[in-house]
C-alpha cells in the first residue's frame, strides 16, 4: 500500500506557491503542458468527439482548459484528484470557463467514461521505492481501464535520460508497452518522439 499523503502535500503546497499555473502541477511551462495534451490526444487516434472524459489527477483543471481552448467536443468532464486544494481550484476553472464539471476527491473513482486521460499523475514518487511505485502505477491503470469505454492515455517520464531525480518515477517505454499488451489491450500506441524527456501511451478498445 502506497501512502500518498506526501504527494498530496507537495501538490497542495505547489498550488499555494504558484497559483493556477503549470508550476502548480510540476511542469515548467504552459507551452510544454499544451504539447503533452496534444500528444495524449494523438495516442488516442486524435478523436474530435471525446464523449465523456475522466481526468485522473486533474490538478487545477488544466486539461479542461485545454479541451475548451481546442473546441473539442465532449459531453462530460470528470476531474479526479487527492488534493482538496487542487480540486477547489479546478472548480474555479470550470466556473470561469462556464463549463459543467464533476469533481471527485478520491484515489479510486468508479465513473464510466469514454476516455481516461492521465497526465503527469504518476511522476512524483518521493521516497517510495521504485519497484513499489511501479506496482502501484499498474494497480491504478488496471483499476482505471474498466472505466474507459474507448481508450486510456497516460504519459510518463522516460528512462532515456542522462540524469534522474531521486524523487521522480521514470518508466521504460519498452517494459510498459509489453505490460500493457498483457494486462490491458493489444491495441497500444506509443509516442516517444516529442522534444521532452517523456513519452505517451494510448491503450484502445
Foldseek 3Di string as FASTA:
>chain_A
DADCPVVLVQLLVQCVVPPPAPSSLPDDHPVVVLVQLVQLCVQLVNDQAFEEEEEEQCFLNVVVVNCVVVVGHYDAYEYEHQHPNRQVNVVVVCVVSVHDYHYYNDNQDDAATAEYEYESPLWFQAPDDQVVSVVVVVVSCLSCQVSHNWKYKYKAQAPPDPDDDPGTHHDHPVVVLVVCVVRPHVSKDKDPDDPDRMIMMMDTD
